[in-house]
Amino acid sequence: YGPELNERIRKHLKPTNDSWRVDETYLKIKEKKMYLYRAVDSEGNTIDFYLSQRRNAKAAKRFLKKALASCHAKKPRTITADGDKAYPVAIWKLKEDKCLPHDTPLRVKKYLNNIIEQDHRFIKKRIRNMLGLKSYQTARKMIDGIEAMYMIKKGQTYQGARSVQKQNIFINQLFGLTA
């Protein structure tokens, strides 16, 4: 149900602000490193995420393009990254493709990315408790569900469901269930 929940929640998300923090973290999937690219705004609201088998400019560009297409995300006024060499190349290519305004600066400051580094902890904690993800497809589906639930938990929906009871009601409404 992870991908379905992620798809259904998108139209219920509050708009994010225009100061983006982007970062990637690795996950072990079948004893192989895979990379989870994530973007949050300056308030810690999740913009988007993308699981990739590689950590390079092509994957970073694909992730940023996906984040830019998110219906709840504002176009970034500024993008902050931690120093990965793939981001400047990806952002330059997106500016060339006219997907990103030319005046959008990339700030490479590790200390400004603390918000997203803290946000990674929740996701990694959930995945670490699992017995291990056996394939890329399974991992992608699980991460879809984990990220969607985390957005609900953080109160990113218009319902602002902070209590567990309200979160359950909201999820039941998404799937057309009655409690």
Foldseek 3Di string as FASTA:
>chain_A
DLQLLLVLQLVQFAAADQAKEKEWDWDQAQNATKIKIWIHHLVLQTQDIDIGSDDALVRLLVRVLVSLPRPRYDQHQEYEYADRPSVVVSVVVCVVVVSHPPNHYYHHDNVSNPSVVVVVVQVVVVQVPDPHHHDPVSVVSVSSNSSSVVNQCCQRGPQRPPDPVSSVVVSCVSVVHDD
